[in-house]
Amino acid sequence: MEKIIFYDEDTGEEILFEIVDSTVFNDNKYLLVVDEDDEATILKEAKDKDDNLVYSLIENEDEFQQITLILMESDEYDIEVN
């Protein structure tokens, strides 16, 4: 599985995520990822001013729910929302 490192600006820590799935919605790419404790989250992919890929947590609750519903359609894994 492909892996990415997410840098948490609030805590200063780096988190290694495995990419489980991805989807595109409204011209944005989203990644379903899991950390070493099998905790899943959804990251939104974007590009910074230098054209580097950057990932962020989804701040908008409606956007998060829409992406979660899309990813829940897969038969390859189960998503449990907390």
PDB file of N, CA and C in Angstrom:
ATOM      1  N   MET A   1       0.830  -1.193   0.000  1.00  0.00           N
ATOM      2  CA  MET A   1       0.000   0.000   0.000  1.00  0.00           C
ATOM      3  C   MET A   1       0.869   1.250   0.000  1.00  0.00           C
ATOM      4  N   GLU A   2       0.379   2.261  -0.664  1.00  0.00           N
ATOM      5  CA  GLU A   2       1.092   3.529  -0.709  1.00  0.00           C
ATOM      6  C   GLU A   2       0.976   4.238   0.635  1.00  0.00           C
ATOM      7  N   LYS A   3       2.040   4.941   1.026  1.00  0.00           N
ATOM      8  CA  LYS A   3       2.053   5.639   2.308  1.00  0.00           C
ATOM      9  C   LYS A   3       2.395   7.104   2.093  1.00  0.00           C
ATOM     10  N   ILE A   4       1.879   7.949   3.000  1.00  0.00           N
ATOM     11  CA  ILE A   4       2.227   9.365   2.990  1.00  0.00           C
ATOM     12  C   ILE A   4       2.530   9.788   4.418  1.00  0.00           C
ATOM     13  N   ILE A   5       3.291  10.850   4.538  1.00  0.00           N
ATOM     14  CA  ILE A   5       3.562  11.424   5.856  1.00  0.00           C
ATOM     15  C   ILE A   5       2.767  12.719   5.966  1.00  0.00           C
ATOM     16  N   PHE A   6       1.979  12.815   7.022  1.00  0.00           N
ATOM     17  CA  PHE A   6       1.157  13.991   7.289  1.00  0.00           C
ATOM     18  C   PHE A   6       1.819  14.757   8.431  1.00  0.00           C
ATOM     19  N   TYR A   7       2.083  16.035   8.203  1.00  0.00           N
ATOM     20  CA  TYR A   7       2.675  16.876   9.235  1.00  0.00           C
ATOM     21  C   TYR A   7       1.562  17.667   9.917  1.00  0.00           C
ATOM     22  N   ASP A   8       1.380  17.434  11.210  1.00  0.00           N
ATOM     23  CA  ASP A   8       0.360  18.133  11.986  1.00  0.00           C
ATOM     24  C   ASP A   8       0.953  19.441  12.493  1.00  0.00           C
ATOM     25  N   GLU A   9       0.513  20.549  11.906  1.00  0.00           N
ATOM     26  CA  GLU A   9       1.057  21.863  12.278  1.00  0.00           C
ATOM     27  C   GLU A   9       0.728  22.245  13.714  1.00  0.00           C
ATOM     28  N   ASP A  10      -0.370  21.731  14.258  1.00  0.00           N
ATOM     29  CA  ASP A  10      -0.757  22.066  15.632  1.00  0.00           C
ATOM     30  C   ASP A  10       0.166  21.413  16.655  1.00  0.00           C
ATOM     31  N   THR A  11       0.510  20.146  16.436  1.00  0.00           N
ATOM     32  CA  THR A  11       1.327  19.414  17.406  1.00  0.00           C
ATOM     33  C   THR A  11       2.789  19.301  16.993  1.00  0.00           C
ATOM     34  N   GLY A  12       3.079  19.567  15.712  1.00  0.00           N
ATOM     35  CA  GLY A  12       4.442  19.449  15.220  1.00  0.00           C
ATOM     36  C   GLY A  12       4.872  18.016  14.957  1.00  0.00           C
ATOM     37  N   GLU A  13       3.947  17.074  15.056  1.00  0.00           N
ATOM     38  CA  GLU A  13       4.320  15.678  14.838  1.00  0.00           C
ATOM     39  C   GLU A  13       4.034  15.236  13.409  1.00  0.00           C
ATOM     40  N   GLU A  14       4.790  14.246  12.972  1.00  0.00           N
ATOM     41  CA  GLU A  14       4.567  13.623  11.671  1.00  0.00           C
ATOM     42  C   GLU A  14       3.854  12.303  11.883  1.00  0.00           C
ATOM     43  N   ILE A  15       2.814  12.067  11.083  1.00  0.00           N
ATOM     44  CA  ILE A  15       2.022  10.842  11.196  1.00  0.00           C
ATOM     45  C   ILE A  15       2.135  10.096   9.872  1.00  0.00           C
ATOM     46  N   LEU A  16       2.515   8.826   9.956  1.00  0.00           N
ATOM     47  CA  LEU A  16       2.601   7.992   8.769  1.00  0.00           C
ATOM     48  C   LEU A  16       1.232   7.359   8.512  1.00  0.00           C
ATOM     49  N   PHE A  17       0.693   7.604   7.343  1.00  0.00           N
ATOM     50  CA  PHE A  17      -0.597   7.051   6.960  1.00  0.00           C
ATOM     51  C   PHE A  17      -0.436   6.097   5.786  1.00  0.00           C
ATOM     52  N   GLU A  18      -1.244   5.037   5.777  1.00  0.00           N
ATOM     53  CA  GLU A  18      -1.392   4.180   4.604  1.00  0.00           C
ATOM     54  C   GLU A  18      -2.643   4.626   3.871  1.00  0.00           C
ATOM     55  N   ILE A  19      -2.545   4.734   2.559  1.00  0.00           N
ATOM     56  CA  ILE A  19      -3.698   5.127   1.751  1.00  0.00           C
ATOM     57  C   ILE A  19      -4.541   3.888   1.480  1.00  0.00           C
ATOM     58  N   VAL A  20      -5.800   3.935   1.914  1.00  0.00           N
ATOM     59  CA  VAL A  20      -6.734   2.829   1.722  1.00  0.00           C
ATOM     60  C   VAL A  20      -7.506   2.997   0.423  1.00  0.00           C
ATOM     61  N   ASP A  21      -7.927   4.238   0.147  1.00  0.00           N
ATOM     62  CA  ASP A  21      -8.755   4.512  -1.018  1.00  0.00           C
ATOM     63  C   ASP A  21      -8.672   5.998  -1.322  1.00  0.00           C
ATOM     64  N   SER A  22      -9.161   6.371  -2.487  1.00  0.00           N
ATOM     65  CA  SER A  22      -9.241   7.784  -2.842  1.00  0.00           C
ATOM     66  C   SER A  22     -10.468   7.995  -3.707  1.00  0.00           C
ATOM     67  N   THR A  23     -10.908   9.250  -3.750  1.00  0.00           N
ATOM     68  CA  THR A  23     -12.043   9.606  -4.586  1.00  0.00           C
ATOM     69  C   THR A  23     -11.871  11.054  -5.022  1.00  0.00           C
ATOM     70  N   VAL A  24     -12.521  11.406  -6.120  1.00  0.00           N
ATOM     71  CA  VAL A  24     -12.520  12.786  -6.588  1.00  0.00           C
ATOM     72  C   VAL A  24     -13.953  13.285  -6.528  1.00  0.00           C
ATOM     73  N   PHE A  25     -14.119  14.478  -5.945  1.00  0.00           N
ATOM     74  CA  PHE A  25     -15.445  15.083  -5.802  1.00  0.00           C
ATOM     75  C   PHE A  25     -15.285  16.582  -5.983  1.00  0.00           C
ATOM     76  N   ASN A  26     -16.074  17.169  -6.872  1.00  0.00           N
ATOM     77  CA  ASN A  26     -15.994  18.607  -7.164  1.00  0.00           C
ATOM     78  C   ASN A  26     -14.563  19.047  -7.484  1.00  0.00           C
ATOM     79  N   ASP A  27     -13.888  18.268  -8.318  1.00  0.00           N
ATOM     80  CA  ASP A  27     -12.512  18.544  -8.757  1.00  0.00           C
ATOM     81  C   ASP A  27     -11.486  18.532  -7.636  1.00  0.00           C
ATOM     82  N   ASN A  28     -11.824  17.975  -6.479  1.00  0.00           N
ATOM     83  CA  ASN A  28     -10.876  17.816  -5.381  1.00  0.00           C
ATOM     84  C   ASN A  28     -10.639  16.331  -5.147  1.00  0.00           C
ATOM     85  N   LYS A  29      -9.403  15.976  -4.820  1.00  0.00           N
ATOM     86  CA  LYS A  29      -9.081  14.583  -4.516  1.00  0.00           C
ATOM     87  C   LYS A  29      -9.040  14.405  -2.997  1.00  0.00           C
ATOM     88  N   TYR A  30      -9.625  13.298  -2.545  1.00  0.00           N
ATOM     89  CA  TYR A  30      -9.678  12.967  -1.127  1.00  0.00           C
ATOM     90  C   TYR A  30      -9.080  11.578  -0.927  1.00  0.00           C
ATOM     91  N   LEU A  31      -8.349  11.416   0.177  1.00  0.00           N
ATOM     92  CA  LEU A  31      -7.731  10.133   0.486  1.00  0.00           C
ATOM     93  C   LEU A  31      -8.298   9.590   1.790  1.00  0.00           C
ATOM     94  N   LEU A  32      -8.683   8.330   1.770  1.00  0.00           N
ATOM     95  CA  LEU A  32      -9.032   7.623   2.999  1.00  0.00           C
ATOM     96  C   LEU A  32      -7.745   6.968   3.470  1.00  0.00           C
ATOM     97  N   VAL A  33      -7.304   7.340   4.673  1.00  0.00           N
ATOM     98  CA  VAL A  33      -6.030   6.854   5.187  1.00  0.00           C
ATOM     99  C   VAL A  33      -6.211   6.262   6.578  1.00  0.00           C
ATOM    100  N   VAL A  34      -5.281   5.376   6.962  1.00  0.00           N
ATOM    101  CA  VAL A  34      -5.268   4.826   8.317  1.00  0.00           C
ATOM    102  C   VAL A  34      -3.872   5.003   8.901  1.00  0.00           C
ATOM    103  N   ASP A  35      -3.834   5.241  10.224  1.00  0.00           N
ATOM    104  CA  ASP A  35      -2.542   5.361  10.897  1.00  0.00           C
ATOM    105  C   ASP A  35      -2.142   4.007  11.467  1.00  0.00           C
ATOM    106  N   GLU A  36      -1.062   3.965  12.225  1.00  0.00           N
ATOM    107  CA  GLU A  36      -0.550   2.688  12.738  1.00  0.00           C
ATOM    108  C   GLU A  36      -1.496   2.039  13.741  1.00  0.00           C
ATOM    109  N   ASP A  37      -2.450   2.805  14.301  1.00  0.00           N
ATOM    110  CA  ASP A  37      -3.441   2.254  15.228  1.00  0.00           C
ATOM    111  C   ASP A  37      -4.735   1.860  14.520  1.00  0.00           C
ATOM    112  N   ASP A  38      -4.719   1.864  13.187  1.00  0.00           N
ATOM    113  CA  ASP A  38      -5.899   1.575  12.353  1.00  0.00           C
ATOM    114  C   ASP A  38      -7.026   2.583  12.537  1.00  0.00           C
ATOM    115  N   GLU A  39      -6.676   3.794  12.970  1.00  0.00           N
ATOM    116  CA  GLU A  39      -7.649   4.885  13.024  1.00  0.00           C
ATOM    117  C   GLU A  39      -7.690   5.525  11.645  1.00  0.00           C
ATOM    118  N   ALA A  40      -8.877   5.637  11.087  1.00  0.00           N
ATOM    119  CA  ALA A  40      -9.024   6.186   9.740  1.00  0.00           C
ATOM    120  C   ALA A  40      -9.396   7.664   9.787  1.00  0.00           C
ATOM    121  N   THR A  41      -8.986   8.361   8.762  1.00  0.00           N
ATOM    122  CA  THR A  41      -9.397   9.745   8.564  1.00  0.00           C
ATOM    123  C   THR A  41      -9.397  10.027   7.073  1.00  0.00           C
ATOM    124  N   ILE A  42      -9.968  11.141   6.709  1.00  0.00           N
ATOM    125  CA  ILE A  42     -10.014  11.541   5.309  1.00  0.00           C
ATOM    126  C   ILE A  42      -9.207  12.821   5.162  1.00  0.00           C
ATOM    127  N   LEU A  43      -8.289  12.806   4.200  1.00  0.00           N
ATOM    128  CA  LEU A  43      -7.468  13.974   3.926  1.00  0.00           C
ATOM    129  C   LEU A  43      -7.833  14.537   2.558  1.00  0.00           C
ATOM    130  N   LYS A  44      -7.786  15.859   2.452  1.00  0.00           N
ATOM    131  CA  LYS A  44      -8.052  16.545   1.192  1.00  0.00           C
ATOM    132  C   LYS A  44      -6.712  16.924   0.569  1.00  0.00           C
ATOM    133  N   GLU A  45      -6.550  16.582  -0.706  1.00  0.00           N
ATOM    134  CA  GLU A  45      -5.298  16.862  -1.407  1.00  0.00           C
ATOM    135  C   GLU A  45      -5.383  18.210  -2.110  1.00  0.00           C
ATOM    136  N   ALA A  46      -4.298  18.966  -2.049  1.00  0.00           N
ATOM    137  CA  ALA A  46      -4.220  20.262  -2.733  1.00  0.00           C
ATOM    138  C   ALA A  46      -2.767  20.488  -3.124  1.00  0.00           C
ATOM    139  N   LYS A  47      -2.510  21.590  -3.789  1.00  0.00           N
ATOM    140  CA  LYS A  47      -1.136  21.967  -4.139  1.00  0.00           C
ATOM    141  C   LYS A  47      -0.827  23.321  -3.518  1.00  0.00           C
ATOM    142  N   ASP A  48       0.401  23.448  -3.018  1.00  0.00           N
ATOM    143  CA  ASP A  48       0.812  24.733  -2.444  1.00  0.00           C
ATOM    144  C   ASP A  48       1.334  25.640  -3.550  1.00  0.00           C
ATOM    145  N   LYS A  49       1.827  26.807  -3.176  1.00  0.00           N
ATOM    146  CA  LYS A  49       2.269  27.785  -4.169  1.00  0.00           C
ATOM    147  C   LYS A  49       3.440  27.313  -5.009  1.00  0.00           C
ATOM    148  N   ASP A  50       4.197  26.323  -4.496  1.00  0.00           N
ATOM    149  CA  ASP A  50       5.320  25.761  -5.239  1.00  0.00           C
ATOM    150  C   ASP A  50       4.943  24.506  -6.014  1.00  0.00           C
ATOM    151  N   ASP A  51       3.636  24.230  -6.094  1.00  0.00           N
ATOM    152  CA  ASP A  51       3.103  23.081  -6.829  1.00  0.00           C
ATOM    153  C   ASP A  51       3.403  21.741  -6.164  1.00  0.00           C
ATOM    154  N   ASN A  52       3.695  21.756  -4.859  1.00  0.00           N
ATOM    155  CA  ASN A  52       3.886  20.520  -4.095  1.00  0.00           C
ATOM    156  C   ASN A  52       2.541  20.036  -3.570  1.00  0.00           C
ATOM    157  N   LEU A  53       2.364  18.715  -3.499  1.00  0.00           N
ATOM    158  CA  LEU A  53       1.133  18.177  -2.931  1.00  0.00           C
ATOM    159  C   LEU A  53       1.123  18.395  -1.427  1.00  0.00           C
ATOM    160  N   VAL A  54      -0.008  18.868  -0.926  1.00  0.00           N
ATOM    161  CA  VAL A  54      -0.201  19.034   0.519  1.00  0.00           C
ATOM    162  C   VAL A  54      -1.547  18.410   0.883  1.00  0.00           C
ATOM    163  N   TYR A  55      -1.653  17.951   2.123  1.00  0.00           N
ATOM    164  CA  TYR A  55      -2.869  17.295   2.580  1.00  0.00           C
ATOM    165  C   TYR A  55      -3.378  18.005   3.826  1.00  0.00           C
ATOM    166  N   SER A  56      -4.694  18.103   3.937  1.00  0.00           N
ATOM    167  CA  SER A  56      -5.279  18.747   5.110  1.00  0.00           C
ATOM    168  C   SER A  56      -6.520  17.985   5.542  1.00  0.00           C
ATOM    169  N   LEU A  57      -6.882  18.173   6.793  1.00  0.00           N
ATOM    170  CA  LEU A  57      -8.134  17.614   7.294  1.00  0.00           C
ATOM    171  C   LEU A  57      -9.280  18.425   6.721  1.00  0.00           C
ATOM    172  N   ILE A  58     -10.426  17.799   6.571  1.00  0.00           N
ATOM    173  CA  ILE A  58     -11.598  18.489   6.026  1.00  0.00           C
ATOM    174  C   ILE A  58     -12.258  19.265   7.158  1.00  0.00           C
ATOM    175  N   GLU A  59     -12.311  20.583   7.018  1.00  0.00           N
ATOM    176  CA  GLU A  59     -12.868  21.455   8.059  1.00  0.00           C
ATOM    177  C   GLU A  59     -14.398  21.554   7.968  1.00  0.00           C
ATOM    178  N   ASN A  60     -14.927  21.500   6.746  1.00  0.00           N
ATOM    179  CA  ASN A  60     -16.358  21.690   6.520  1.00  0.00           C
ATOM    180  C   ASN A  60     -17.117  20.386   6.801  1.00  0.00           C
ATOM    181  N   GLU A  61     -18.058  20.428   7.725  1.00  0.00           N
ATOM    182  CA  GLU A  61     -18.798  19.231   8.136  1.00  0.00           C
ATOM    183  C   GLU A  61     -19.622  18.637   6.991  1.00  0.00           C
ATOM    184  N   ASP A  62     -20.260  19.481   6.175  1.00  0.00           N
ATOM    185  CA  ASP A  62     -21.052  18.982   5.044  1.00  0.00           C
ATOM    186  C   ASP A  62     -20.155  18.281   4.021  1.00  0.00           C
ATOM    187  N   GLU A  63     -19.016  18.886   3.728  1.00  0.00           N
ATOM    188  CA  GLU A  63     -18.065  18.286   2.792  1.00  0.00           C
ATOM    189  C   GLU A  63     -17.581  16.937   3.335  1.00  0.00           C
ATOM    190  N   PHE A  64     -17.252  16.879   4.633  1.00  0.00           N
ATOM    191  CA  PHE A  64     -16.791  15.643   5.254  1.00  0.00           C
ATOM    192  C   PHE A  64     -17.855  14.549   5.131  1.00  0.00           C
ATOM    193  N   GLN A  65     -19.119  14.888   5.407  1.00  0.00           N
ATOM    194  CA  GLN A  65     -20.200  13.898   5.326  1.00  0.00           C
ATOM    195  C   GLN A  65     -20.389  13.392   3.903  1.00  0.00           C
ATOM    196  N   GLN A  66     -20.306  14.282   2.916  1.00  0.00           N
ATOM    197  CA  GLN A  66     -20.463  13.863   1.517  1.00  0.00           C
ATOM    198  C   GLN A  66     -19.365  12.887   1.118  1.00  0.00           C
ATOM    199  N   ILE A  67     -18.134  13.190   1.471  1.00  0.00           N
ATOM    200  CA  ILE A  67     -17.010  12.323   1.104  1.00  0.00           C
ATOM    201  C   ILE A  67     -17.110  10.991   1.845  1.00  0.00           C
ATOM    202  N   THR A  68     -17.504  11.037   3.106  1.00  0.00           N
ATOM    203  CA  THR A  68     -17.676   9.801   3.877  1.00  0.00           C
ATOM    204  C   THR A  68     -18.707   8.894   3.222  1.00  0.00           C
ATOM    205  N   LEU A  69     -19.822   9.459   2.800  1.00  0.00           N
ATOM    206  CA  LEU A  69     -20.870   8.662   2.139  1.00  0.00           C
ATOM    207  C   LEU A  69     -20.353   8.031   0.847  1.00  0.00           C
ATOM    208  N   ILE A  70     -19.570   8.774   0.080  1.00  0.00           N
ATOM    209  CA  ILE A  70     -19.008   8.233  -1.163  1.00  0.00           C
ATOM    210  C   ILE A  70     -18.081   7.055  -0.845  1.00  0.00           C
ATOM    211  N   LEU A  71     -17.201   7.245   0.138  1.00  0.00           N
ATOM    212  CA  LEU A  71     -16.245   6.195   0.479  1.00  0.00           C
ATOM    213  C   LEU A  71     -16.916   4.981   1.120  1.00  0.00           C
ATOM    214  N   MET A  72     -18.064   5.180   1.770  1.00  0.00           N
ATOM    215  CA  MET A  72     -18.785   4.078   2.409  1.00  0.00           C
ATOM    216  C   MET A  72     -19.399   3.128   1.382  1.00  0.00           C
ATOM    217  N   GLU A  73     -19.481   3.551   0.129  1.00  0.00           N
ATOM    218  CA  GLU A  73     -20.074   2.710  -0.908  1.00  0.00           C
ATOM    219  C   GLU A  73     -19.184   1.525  -1.287  1.00  0.00           C
ATOM    220  N   SER A  74     -17.918   1.572  -0.899  1.00  0.00           N
ATOM    221  CA  SER A  74     -16.989   0.493  -1.247  1.00  0.00           C
ATOM    222  C   SER A  74     -17.301  -0.774  -0.457  1.00  0.00           C
ATOM    223  N   ASP A  75     -17.130  -1.912  -1.115  1.00  0.00           N
ATOM    224  CA  ASP A  75     -17.288  -3.204  -0.447  1.00  0.00           C
ATOM    225  C   ASP A  75     -15.958  -3.729   0.102  1.00  0.00           C
ATOM    226  N   GLU A  76     -14.873  -2.996  -0.144  1.00  0.00           N
ATOM    227  CA  GLU A  76     -13.545  -3.469   0.245  1.00  0.00           C
ATOM    228  C   GLU A  76     -13.203  -3.206   1.698  1.00  0.00           C
ATOM    229  N   TYR A  77     -13.952  -2.366   2.358  1.00  0.00           N
ATOM    230  CA  TYR A  77     -13.673  -2.023   3.756  1.00  0.00           C
ATOM    231  C   TYR A  77     -14.946  -1.468   4.390  1.00  0.00           C
ATOM    232  N   ASP A  78     -14.963  -1.407   5.712  1.00  0.00           N
ATOM    233  CA  ASP A  78     -16.085  -0.841   6.464  1.00  0.00           C
ATOM    234  C   ASP A  78     -15.623   0.431   7.137  1.00  0.00           C
ATOM    235  N   ILE A  79     -16.438   1.475   7.041  1.00  0.00           N
ATOM    236  CA  ILE A  79     -16.133   2.738   7.713  1.00  0.00           C
ATOM    237  C   ILE A  79     -17.111   2.908   8.871  1.00  0.00           C
ATOM    238  N   GLU A  80     -16.570   3.195  10.024  1.00  0.00           N
ATOM    239  CA  GLU A  80     -17.375   3.493  11.199  1.00  0.00           C
ATOM    240  C   GLU A  80     -17.103   4.925  11.599  1.00  0.00           C
ATOM    241  N   VAL A  81     -18.108   5.784  11.584  1.00  0.00           N
ATOM    242  CA  VAL A  81     -17.930   7.197  11.892  1.00  0.00           C
ATOM    243  C   VAL A  81     -18.160   7.428  13.373  1.00  0.00           C
ATOM    244  N   ASN A  82     -17.166   8.078  14.000  1.00  0.00           N
ATOM    245  CA  ASN A  82     -17.281   8.394  15.435  1.00  0.00           C
ATOM    246  C   ASN A  82     -17.539   9.866  15.641  1.00  0.00           C
TER     247      ASN A  82
END
